Every structure is written in structure tokens, then in C-alpha cells.
């Protein structure tokens, strides 16, 4: 579940977006925003998933 929620390519795509011409400067903003959404989603998963799974004894 956690692996499906994030992309490991984010750290690699940010430098590529920064290398684009100024006309595509919004690409770096989109990548940073997507990374922040993924981080917030992971925090939600870490809090929510243990509550949804049954406790094992």
C-alpha cells in the first residue's frame, strides 16, 4: 500500500524540471507540490492503516 502511494522518481525529476527553459518554470512547482501531497499522504497512511488492520496476538 505504501509503495503504491509514492514515486521514487521525484528526486530525479526535480533537477530535470529546473533545467527546462523559463517557459516551463511551472513544472518545478508542480513537482514540488506533488511531492508535498505524497508526504502528507504517507503521514495519513501511517496513522490510518494500523487502525484499519486487525491487531494480531
Foldseek 3Di string as FASTA:
>chain_A
DLVVLDDPCLVVVLVVQVPDDPVSVVVNVVSVVSVVVSVVVVVCCVVPVVVVDDDDD
